[in-house]
Amino acid sequence: MTDYVLVPGMNHGGWWYDPLVEALEDRGHRATAITPAGLENEPVLNRRIVLDTHIDQVVAAVDAASSGVVLVGHSYAGLLITAAADARPEAVGCLVYLDAFLPEDGDNAWSLANDEQRDWYAGAATRGGDVVDPLPFFDDRARPHPLGTLFQSVRLTGAWRRVPRAIYVEATEWPTPTPMRTSIDRAVTDPHIEHLAWRTRHNVMHDGPDRVLGLIADL
């Protein structure tokens, strides 16, 4: 039995992983899908939500699990799983980046993204808001994402590199230039990270959990 902690990307909650959680549990594993603060069905927004808020949630989930946790992060959540593994390297057995940000110390979502992605983030700020609205094609369950999480820089000591295994999945079917370019280039050139290229869109779960399940079920 393996403990999995699954972290979704921007605007998404743990529901994004529901089919994968069910499939993993059917195989006798334990799977926890996190809904980051501010992205609940009825979020409490009269509080300060920054990147550390979300990182602390992932660290708490790792602490509640057994050793050898498989940490899976999609998109924005690459920041969260890297920081959690940096805080608890001895508890994590594998990091899985699903077309996700791959940060170095001092990075944030803004610095890692491309100009198209930054325009989306900045739209909220120019409207005077403190959240980034879901894009029109997102699932109806998507929620506005706390803006502060995208600008706080991640603090990394490098301890996450002690995690025995790391896998990066690149989604190659972006209709526009991928905002993950910097992260992909890092993964390709990093001998510690296994790089896979999948002919799929950024939403790697769009046609069901089977492909992701096949990658992680036996880690």
C-alpha atoms as a PDB file:
ATOM      1  CA  MET A   1       0.000   0.000   0.000  1.00  0.00           C
ATOM      2  CA  THR A   2       1.221   3.466  -0.920  1.00  0.00           C
ATOM      3  CA  ASP A   3       0.049   6.869   0.292  1.00  0.00           C
ATOM      4  CA  TYR A   4      -0.647   9.362  -2.483  1.00  0.00           C
ATOM      5  CA  VAL A   5      -1.110  13.084  -1.979  1.00  0.00           C
ATOM      6  CA  LEU A   6      -2.658  14.677  -5.057  1.00  0.00           C
ATOM      7  CA  VAL A   7      -2.600  18.446  -5.564  1.00  0.00           C
ATOM      8  CA  PRO A   8      -4.549  20.204  -8.353  1.00  0.00           C
ATOM      9  CA  GLY A   9      -3.647  23.239 -10.408  1.00  0.00           C
ATOM     10  CA  MET A  10      -5.022  26.771 -10.306  1.00  0.00           C
ATOM     11  CA  ASN A  11      -8.771  27.238  -9.824  1.00  0.00           C
ATOM     12  CA  HIS A  12      -9.278  23.535  -9.143  1.00  0.00           C
ATOM     13  CA  GLY A  13     -10.097  21.520  -6.053  1.00  0.00           C
ATOM     14  CA  GLY A  14      -9.531  17.952  -4.991  1.00  0.00           C
ATOM     15  CA  TRP A  15     -12.524  16.981  -7.129  1.00  0.00           C
ATOM     16  CA  TRP A  16     -10.241  17.093 -10.189  1.00  0.00           C
ATOM     17  CA  TYR A  17      -8.621  13.891  -8.956  1.00  0.00           C
ATOM     18  CA  ASP A  18     -11.810  12.055  -7.906  1.00  0.00           C
ATOM     19  CA  PRO A  19     -11.584   9.322 -10.591  1.00  0.00           C
ATOM     20  CA  LEU A  20      -7.908   8.786  -9.794  1.00  0.00           C
ATOM     21  CA  VAL A  21      -8.555   8.581  -6.043  1.00  0.00           C
ATOM     22  CA  GLU A  22     -11.214   5.947  -6.631  1.00  0.00           C
ATOM     23  CA  ALA A  23      -8.949   3.924  -8.923  1.00  0.00           C
ATOM     24  CA  LEU A  24      -6.032   4.040  -6.484  1.00  0.00           C
ATOM     25  CA  GLU A  25      -8.207   3.038  -3.543  1.00  0.00           C
ATOM     26  CA  ASP A  26      -9.618   0.142  -5.564  1.00  0.00           C
ATOM     27  CA  ARG A  27      -6.025  -1.105  -5.773  1.00  0.00           C
ATOM     28  CA  GLY A  28      -5.591  -0.942  -2.002  1.00  0.00           C
ATOM     29  CA  HIS A  29      -3.712   2.364  -1.818  1.00  0.00           C
ATOM     30  CA  ARG A  30      -4.557   5.479   0.178  1.00  0.00           C
ATOM     31  CA  ALA A  31      -5.082   8.701  -1.746  1.00  0.00           C
ATOM     32  CA  THR A  32      -5.688  12.211  -0.440  1.00  0.00           C
ATOM     33  CA  ALA A  33      -6.740  14.882  -2.924  1.00  0.00           C
ATOM     34  CA  ILE A  34      -6.194  18.374  -1.547  1.00  0.00           C
ATOM     35  CA  THR A  35      -8.436  21.364  -2.134  1.00  0.00           C
ATOM     36  CA  PRO A  36      -6.186  24.394  -1.609  1.00  0.00           C
ATOM     37  CA  ALA A  37      -7.483  27.122   0.693  1.00  0.00           C
ATOM     38  CA  GLY A  38      -9.795  29.564  -1.038  1.00  0.00           C
ATOM     39  CA  LEU A  39     -10.880  27.000  -3.624  1.00  0.00           C
ATOM     40  CA  GLU A  40     -13.519  25.202  -1.583  1.00  0.00           C
ATOM     41  CA  ASN A  41     -17.128  25.093  -2.788  1.00  0.00           C
ATOM     42  CA  GLU A  42     -17.925  27.854  -0.335  1.00  0.00           C
ATOM     43  CA  PRO A  43     -14.537  29.461   0.327  1.00  0.00           C
ATOM     44  CA  VAL A  44     -13.777  31.712   3.262  1.00  0.00           C
ATOM     45  CA  LEU A  45     -11.987  34.612   1.594  1.00  0.00           C
ATOM     46  CA  ASN A  46     -11.778  37.101   4.455  1.00  0.00           C
ATOM     47  CA  ARG A  47      -8.295  35.809   5.305  1.00  0.00           C
ATOM     48  CA  ARG A  48      -4.810  36.129   3.889  1.00  0.00           C
ATOM     49  CA  ILE A  49      -4.084  33.265   1.489  1.00  0.00           C
ATOM     50  CA  VAL A  50      -0.558  33.131   0.068  1.00  0.00           C
ATOM     51  CA  LEU A  51       1.672  30.443  -1.381  1.00  0.00           C
ATOM     52  CA  ASP A  52       2.778  29.329   2.087  1.00  0.00           C
ATOM     53  CA  THR A  53      -0.870  28.707   3.001  1.00  0.00           C
ATOM     54  CA  HIS A  54      -1.140  26.109   0.254  1.00  0.00           C
ATOM     55  CA  ILE A  55       2.302  24.652   0.931  1.00  0.00           C
ATOM     56  CA  ASP A  56       1.402  24.152   4.593  1.00  0.00           C
ATOM     57  CA  GLN A  57      -1.666  22.154   3.545  1.00  0.00           C
ATOM     58  CA  VAL A  58       0.474  19.786   1.492  1.00  0.00           C
ATOM     59  CA  VAL A  59       3.048  19.418   4.270  1.00  0.00           C
ATOM     60  CA  ALA A  60       0.238  18.578   6.711  1.00  0.00           C
ATOM     61  CA  ALA A  61      -1.057  15.886   4.353  1.00  0.00           C
ATOM     62  CA  VAL A  62       2.433  14.403   4.079  1.00  0.00           C
ATOM     63  CA  ASP A  63       2.745  14.425   7.869  1.00  0.00           C
ATOM     64  CA  ALA A  64      -0.565  12.561   8.175  1.00  0.00           C
ATOM     65  CA  ALA A  65       0.559   9.833   5.783  1.00  0.00           C
ATOM     66  CA  SER A  66       3.064   7.027   6.081  1.00  0.00           C
ATOM     67  CA  SER A  67       6.597   7.289   4.749  1.00  0.00           C
ATOM     68  CA  GLY A  68       7.284   6.923   1.049  1.00  0.00           C
ATOM     69  CA  VAL A  69       4.498   9.303   0.007  1.00  0.00           C
ATOM     70  CA  VAL A  70       3.979   9.852  -3.705  1.00  0.00           C
ATOM     71  CA  LEU A  71       3.372  13.570  -4.216  1.00  0.00           C
ATOM     72  CA  VAL A  72       1.542  14.419  -7.440  1.00  0.00           C
ATOM     73  CA  GLY A  73       1.098  18.015  -8.594  1.00  0.00           C
ATOM     74  CA  HIS A  74      -0.553  19.476 -11.678  1.00  0.00           C
ATOM     75  CA  SER A  75       0.386  22.864 -13.153  1.00  0.00           C
ATOM     76  CA  TYR A  76       0.606  25.498 -10.354  1.00  0.00           C
ATOM     77  CA  ALA A  77       0.876  22.665  -7.799  1.00  0.00           C
ATOM     78  CA  GLY A  78       4.420  21.931  -8.920  1.00  0.00           C
ATOM     79  CA  LEU A  79       5.408  24.771  -6.605  1.00  0.00           C
ATOM     80  CA  LEU A  80       3.536  23.164  -3.723  1.00  0.00           C
ATOM     81  CA  ILE A  81       4.842  19.627  -4.038  1.00  0.00           C
ATOM     82  CA  THR A  82       8.444  20.807  -4.450  1.00  0.00           C
ATOM     83  CA  ALA A  83       8.235  22.973  -1.338  1.00  0.00           C
ATOM     84  CA  ALA A  84       6.543  20.204   0.668  1.00  0.00           C
ATOM     85  CA  ALA A  85       9.228  17.719  -0.376  1.00  0.00           C
ATOM     86  CA  ASP A  86      11.886  20.271   0.545  1.00  0.00           C
ATOM     87  CA  ALA A  87      10.339  20.479   4.027  1.00  0.00           C
ATOM     88  CA  ARG A  88       9.883  16.696   4.419  1.00  0.00           C
ATOM     89  CA  PRO A  89      12.358  14.964   2.082  1.00  0.00           C
ATOM     90  CA  GLU A  90      12.588  11.877   4.296  1.00  0.00           C
ATOM     91  CA  ALA A  91       8.819  11.272   4.034  1.00  0.00           C
ATOM     92  CA  VAL A  92       8.471  11.483   0.247  1.00  0.00           C
ATOM     93  CA  GLY A  93       9.264   8.577  -2.042  1.00  0.00           C
ATOM     94  CA  CYS A  94       8.477  10.141  -5.393  1.00  0.00           C
ATOM     95  CA  LEU A  95       7.536  13.489  -6.927  1.00  0.00           C
ATOM     96  CA  VAL A  96       5.292  13.500 -10.005  1.00  0.00           C
ATOM     97  CA  TYR A  97       4.916  16.729 -11.968  1.00  0.00           C
ATOM     98  CA  LEU A  98       1.933  16.677 -14.332  1.00  0.00           C
ATOM     99  CA  ASP A  99       2.820  19.459 -16.793  1.00  0.00           C
ATOM    100  CA  ALA A 100       3.662  21.531 -13.743  1.00  0.00           C
ATOM    101  CA  PHE A 101       5.917  24.329 -12.590  1.00  0.00           C
ATOM    102  CA  LEU A 102       9.351  23.094 -11.538  1.00  0.00           C
ATOM    103  CA  PRO A 103      10.739  25.831  -9.285  1.00  0.00           C
ATOM    104  CA  GLU A 104      14.113  26.834  -8.008  1.00  0.00           C
ATOM    105  CA  ASP A 105      14.590  28.846  -4.841  1.00  0.00           C
ATOM    106  CA  GLY A 106      12.994  32.287  -5.216  1.00  0.00           C
ATOM    107  CA  ASP A 107      10.669  31.375  -8.081  1.00  0.00           C
ATOM    108  CA  ASN A 108       6.927  31.954  -8.121  1.00  0.00           C
ATOM    109  CA  ALA A 109       4.113  31.317 -10.573  1.00  0.00           C
ATOM    110  CA  TRP A 110       4.568  34.759 -12.126  1.00  0.00           C
ATOM    111  CA  SER A 111       8.289  34.293 -12.771  1.00  0.00           C
ATOM    112  CA  LEU A 112       7.858  30.789 -14.193  1.00  0.00           C
ATOM    113  CA  ALA A 113       4.919  31.557 -16.509  1.00  0.00           C
ATOM    114  CA  ASN A 114       4.951  33.085 -19.993  1.00  0.00           C
ATOM    115  CA  ASP A 115       3.468  36.431 -21.032  1.00  0.00           C
ATOM    116  CA  GLU A 116       0.077  34.968 -21.959  1.00  0.00           C
ATOM    117  CA  GLN A 117      -0.265  33.414 -18.525  1.00  0.00           C
ATOM    118  CA  ARG A 118       0.903  36.609 -16.831  1.00  0.00           C
ATOM    119  CA  ASP A 119      -1.771  38.581 -18.687  1.00  0.00           C
ATOM    120  CA  TRP A 120      -4.367  36.262 -17.168  1.00  0.00           C
ATOM    121  CA  TYR A 121      -2.940  36.804 -13.685  1.00  0.00           C
ATOM    122  CA  ALA A 122      -2.604  40.556 -14.141  1.00  0.00           C
ATOM    123  CA  GLY A 123      -6.187  40.941 -15.297  1.00  0.00           C
ATOM    124  CA  ALA A 124      -7.352  40.344 -11.737  1.00  0.00           C
ATOM    125  CA  ALA A 125      -4.966  42.934 -10.342  1.00  0.00           C
ATOM    126  CA  THR A 126      -5.941  45.621 -12.845  1.00  0.00           C
ATOM    127  CA  ARG A 127      -9.607  45.070 -11.983  1.00  0.00           C
ATOM    128  CA  GLY A 128      -8.732  45.683  -8.341  1.00  0.00           C
ATOM    129  CA  GLY A 129      -9.487  42.123  -7.299  1.00  0.00           C
ATOM    130  CA  ASP A 130      -7.560  39.635  -5.222  1.00  0.00           C
ATOM    131  CA  VAL A 131      -8.510  36.489  -7.138  1.00  0.00           C
ATOM    132  CA  VAL A 132      -7.917  35.152 -10.652  1.00  0.00           C
ATOM    133  CA  ASP A 133     -11.132  33.995 -12.292  1.00  0.00           C
ATOM    134  CA  PRO A 134     -11.300  30.580 -13.983  1.00  0.00           C
ATOM    135  CA  LEU A 135     -10.860  30.585 -17.742  1.00  0.00           C
ATOM    136  CA  PRO A 136     -14.097  30.174 -19.733  1.00  0.00           C
ATOM    137  CA  PHE A 137     -13.400  26.565 -20.733  1.00  0.00           C
ATOM    138  CA  PHE A 138     -12.709  25.345 -17.177  1.00  0.00           C
ATOM    139  CA  ASP A 139     -15.040  22.935 -15.398  1.00  0.00           C
ATOM    140  CA  ASP A 140     -18.089  24.536 -13.773  1.00  0.00           C
ATOM    141  CA  ARG A 141     -16.677  23.527 -10.392  1.00  0.00           C
ATOM    142  CA  ALA A 142     -13.593  25.726 -10.855  1.00  0.00           C
ATOM    143  CA  ARG A 143     -13.278  28.619  -8.427  1.00  0.00           C
ATOM    144  CA  PRO A 144     -11.485  31.990  -8.387  1.00  0.00           C
ATOM    145  CA  HIS A 145      -7.860  31.484  -7.354  1.00  0.00           C
ATOM    146  CA  PRO A 146      -6.257  33.625  -4.614  1.00  0.00           C
ATOM    147  CA  LEU A 147      -3.961  36.088  -6.360  1.00  0.00           C
ATOM    148  CA  GLY A 148      -1.381  36.259  -3.571  1.00  0.00           C
ATOM    149  CA  THR A 149      -0.374  32.636  -4.101  1.00  0.00           C
ATOM    150  CA  LEU A 150       1.008  33.501  -7.534  1.00  0.00           C
ATOM    151  CA  PHE A 151       3.430  36.210  -6.418  1.00  0.00           C
ATOM    152  CA  GLN A 152       4.957  34.935  -3.179  1.00  0.00           C
ATOM    153  CA  SER A 153       8.335  33.345  -3.893  1.00  0.00           C
ATOM    154  CA  VAL A 154       8.986  29.768  -2.863  1.00  0.00           C
ATOM    155  CA  ARG A 155      11.787  29.105  -0.399  1.00  0.00           C
ATOM    156  CA  LEU A 156      13.817  25.988  -1.149  1.00  0.00           C
ATOM    157  CA  THR A 157      16.964  24.635   0.484  1.00  0.00           C
ATOM    158  CA  GLY A 158      17.514  21.923  -2.127  1.00  0.00           C
ATOM    159  CA  ALA A 159      16.545  19.152   0.295  1.00  0.00           C
ATOM    160  CA  TRP A 160      13.783  18.056  -2.120  1.00  0.00           C
ATOM    161  CA  ARG A 161      16.516  16.584  -4.305  1.00  0.00           C
ATOM    162  CA  ARG A 162      17.002  13.880  -1.683  1.00  0.00           C
ATOM    163  CA  VAL A 163      13.653  12.399  -2.722  1.00  0.00           C
ATOM    164  CA  PRO A 164      14.594   9.095  -4.403  1.00  0.00           C
ATOM    165  CA  ARG A 165      12.635   9.633  -7.610  1.00  0.00           C
ATOM    166  CA  ALA A 166      11.126  12.510  -9.588  1.00  0.00           C
ATOM    167  CA  ILE A 167       9.094  12.291 -12.807  1.00  0.00           C
ATOM    168  CA  TYR A 168       8.086  15.179 -15.061  1.00  0.00           C
ATOM    169  CA  VAL A 169       5.259  14.748 -17.581  1.00  0.00           C
ATOM    170  CA  GLU A 170       5.248  17.291 -20.400  1.00  0.00           C
ATOM    171  CA  ALA A 171       1.922  17.803 -22.181  1.00  0.00           C
ATOM    172  CA  THR A 172       2.781  18.511 -25.817  1.00  0.00           C
ATOM    173  CA  GLU A 173      -0.663  19.463 -27.157  1.00  0.00           C
ATOM    174  CA  TRP A 174      -0.912  23.080 -26.006  1.00  0.00           C
ATOM    175  CA  PRO A 175      -2.780  25.157 -28.651  1.00  0.00           C
ATOM    176  CA  THR A 176      -0.514  28.111 -27.772  1.00  0.00           C
ATOM    177  CA  PRO A 177       3.092  28.238 -26.510  1.00  0.00           C
ATOM    178  CA  THR A 178       3.275  26.372 -23.225  1.00  0.00           C
ATOM    179  CA  PRO A 179       3.737  28.454 -20.063  1.00  0.00           C
ATOM    180  CA  MET A 180       5.663  25.477 -18.698  1.00  0.00           C
ATOM    181  CA  ARG A 181       8.617  26.024 -21.055  1.00  0.00           C
ATOM    182  CA  THR A 182      11.105  27.009 -18.346  1.00  0.00           C
ATOM    183  CA  SER A 183      10.023  24.081 -16.180  1.00  0.00           C
ATOM    184  CA  ILE A 184      10.158  21.596 -19.050  1.00  0.00           C
ATOM    185  CA  ASP A 185      13.651  22.720 -20.025  1.00  0.00           C
ATOM    186  CA  ARG A 186      14.790  22.238 -16.438  1.00  0.00           C
ATOM    187  CA  ALA A 187      13.305  18.751 -16.301  1.00  0.00           C
ATOM    188  CA  VAL A 188      14.899  17.722 -19.598  1.00  0.00           C
ATOM    189  CA  THR A 189      18.380  18.758 -18.468  1.00  0.00           C
ATOM    190  CA  ASP A 190      18.170  17.585 -14.851  1.00  0.00           C
ATOM    191  CA  PRO A 191      19.654  14.086 -14.383  1.00  0.00           C
ATOM    192  CA  HIS A 192      17.632  13.650 -11.186  1.00  0.00           C
ATOM    193  CA  ILE A 193      14.315  13.932 -13.065  1.00  0.00           C
ATOM    194  CA  GLU A 194      12.753  11.460 -15.497  1.00  0.00           C
ATOM    195  CA  HIS A 195      11.147  13.366 -18.373  1.00  0.00           C
ATOM    196  CA  LEU A 196       8.138  12.019 -20.279  1.00  0.00           C
ATOM    197  CA  ALA A 197       6.372  13.691 -23.218  1.00  0.00           C
ATOM    198  CA  TRP A 198       2.676  12.879 -23.581  1.00  0.00           C
ATOM    199  CA  ARG A 199       0.585  13.832 -26.594  1.00  0.00           C
ATOM    200  CA  THR A 200      -2.150  15.336 -24.484  1.00  0.00           C
ATOM    201  CA  ARG A 201      -3.448  18.745 -23.560  1.00  0.00           C
ATOM    202  CA  HIS A 202      -2.528  20.462 -20.293  1.00  0.00           C
ATOM    203  CA  ASN A 203      -5.539  18.868 -18.595  1.00  0.00           C
ATOM    204  CA  VAL A 204      -3.981  15.418 -18.531  1.00  0.00           C
ATOM    205  CA  MET A 205      -7.122  13.992 -16.890  1.00  0.00           C
ATOM    206  CA  HIS A 206      -9.504  15.221 -19.592  1.00  0.00           C
ATOM    207  CA  ASP A 207     -10.234  11.745 -20.952  1.00  0.00           C
ATOM    208  CA  GLY A 208     -10.114   9.876 -17.665  1.00  0.00           C
ATOM    209  CA  PRO A 209      -7.562   8.710 -15.112  1.00  0.00           C
ATOM    210  CA  ASP A 210      -6.107   5.689 -16.893  1.00  0.00           C
ATOM    211  CA  ARG A 211      -2.956   7.280 -18.257  1.00  0.00           C
ATOM    212  CA  VAL A 212      -2.002   8.955 -14.987  1.00  0.00           C
ATOM    213  CA  LEU A 213      -2.987   5.806 -13.089  1.00  0.00           C
ATOM    214  CA  GLY A 214      -0.705   3.727 -15.286  1.00  0.00           C
ATOM    215  CA  LEU A 215       2.174   6.051 -14.460  1.00  0.00           C
ATOM    216  CA  ILE A 216       1.760   6.220 -10.695  1.00  0.00           C
ATOM    217  CA  ALA A 217      -0.074   3.079  -9.538  1.00  0.00           C
ATOM    218  CA  ASP A 218       3.094   1.080  -8.884  1.00  0.00           C
ATOM    219  CA  LEU A 219       5.434   3.805  -7.650  1.00  0.00           C
END
